Amino acid sequence: MEIKVKKRDQSLENFEPEKVSRVAAAAGLNKEKAEAVSQNVARWIKDLNQSVVDSSQIRDKVIEELKQKDGFAANLYTWYEKTKQKA
């Protein structure tokens, strides 16, 4: 089943695990940990068994996974998300 992500502007796009890996790496995780976060998020989304998942749900799951891997990376990602929302 192809999974769509509903963004804040209500548009839909395909879920791409690579994006999760990129943001996890940008937050400071090494490649191996970033891939693990991506895999865990992708598995969680699959387990939801929904065709559309809200981007805010994915963001919350990414933060949860980052906290388990590296608290500093989780804080950096959270800060980035807050500054992005104001723009």
Protein backbone atom coordinates (compact mmCIF):
# COMPACT_ATOMS: atom_id res chain seq x y z
CA MET A 1 0.00 0.00 0.00
CA GLU A 2 1.33 3.41 -0.95
CA ILE A 3 1.27 5.78 1.99
CA LYS A 4 0.57 9.48 1.57
CA VAL A 5 1.62 12.23 3.96
CA LYS A 6 -0.86 15.04 4.59
CA LYS A 7 1.13 18.23 5.01
CA ARG A 8 0.15 21.35 6.96
CA ASP A 9 -1.23 22.98 3.82
CA GLN A 10 -3.42 19.87 3.32
CA SER A 11 -1.48 18.76 0.23
CA LEU A 12 -0.52 15.10 -0.09
CA GLU A 13 2.81 13.59 -1.01
CA ASN A 14 4.26 10.09 -0.97
CA PHE A 15 5.97 8.99 2.22
CA GLU A 16 9.72 8.81 1.60
CA PRO A 17 11.80 7.14 4.33
CA GLU A 18 14.88 8.84 2.86
CA LYS A 19 13.55 12.20 4.07
CA VAL A 20 13.43 10.87 7.62
CA SER A 21 17.04 9.67 7.28
CA ARG A 22 18.13 13.09 5.99
CA VAL A 23 16.50 15.05 8.82
CA ALA A 24 17.86 12.63 11.43
CA ALA A 25 21.34 13.04 9.99
CA ALA A 26 20.91 16.81 9.81
CA ALA A 27 19.99 16.75 13.50
CA GLY A 28 23.35 15.17 14.24
CA LEU A 29 22.96 11.40 14.05
CA ASN A 30 25.51 9.32 12.21
CA LYS A 31 24.34 7.49 9.08
CA GLU A 32 23.68 4.21 10.89
CA LYS A 33 21.51 5.79 13.60
CA ALA A 34 19.71 7.98 11.06
CA GLU A 35 18.85 4.89 9.02
CA ALA A 36 17.60 3.12 12.16
CA VAL A 37 15.32 6.07 12.95
CA SER A 38 14.01 6.00 9.38
CA GLN A 39 13.37 2.26 9.50
CA ASN A 40 11.56 2.52 12.84
CA VAL A 41 9.36 5.37 11.59
CA ALA A 42 8.59 3.51 8.34
CA ARG A 43 7.66 0.35 10.28
CA TRP A 44 5.46 2.39 12.64
CA ILE A 45 3.67 3.98 9.69
CA LYS A 46 3.14 0.59 8.06
CA ASP A 47 1.74 -0.76 11.34
CA LEU A 48 -0.80 2.08 11.44
CA ASN A 49 -2.37 0.47 8.38
CA GLN A 50 -3.60 3.81 7.02
CA SER A 51 -3.25 5.17 3.51
CA VAL A 52 -2.81 8.78 4.74
CA VAL A 53 -0.74 9.88 7.74
CA ASP A 54 -0.56 13.43 9.06
CA SER A 55 2.88 15.05 8.88
CA SER A 56 2.51 16.10 12.53
CA GLN A 57 2.16 12.43 13.53
CA ILE A 58 5.35 11.62 11.65
CA ARG A 59 7.14 14.57 13.22
CA ASP A 60 6.14 13.41 16.71
CA LYS A 61 7.35 9.87 15.97
CA VAL A 62 10.65 11.18 14.59
CA ILE A 63 11.16 13.18 17.80
CA GLU A 64 10.38 10.11 19.90
CA GLU A 65 12.90 8.03 17.94
CA LEU A 66 15.53 10.77 18.09
CA LYS A 67 15.15 11.00 21.87
CA GLN A 68 15.93 7.29 22.11
CA LYS A 69 19.07 7.67 19.99
CA ASP A 70 20.43 11.08 21.03
CA GLY A 71 18.80 13.70 23.24
CA PHE A 72 20.83 16.55 21.74
CA ALA A 73 19.74 15.61 18.21
CA ALA A 74 16.11 15.49 19.37
CA ASN A 75 16.41 18.97 20.87
CA LEU A 76 18.04 20.33 17.72
CA TYR A 77 15.30 18.85 15.53
CA THR A 78 12.58 20.24 17.82
CA TRP A 79 14.17 23.69 17.72
CA TYR A 80 14.38 23.56 13.92
CA GLU A 81 10.74 22.52 13.61
CA LYS A 82 9.65 25.42 15.84
CA THR A 83 11.58 27.97 13.78
CA LYS A 84 10.21 26.47 10.56
CA GLN A 85 6.61 26.78 11.79
CA LYS A 86 7.02 30.53 12.41
CA ALA A 87 8.16 31.15 8.84
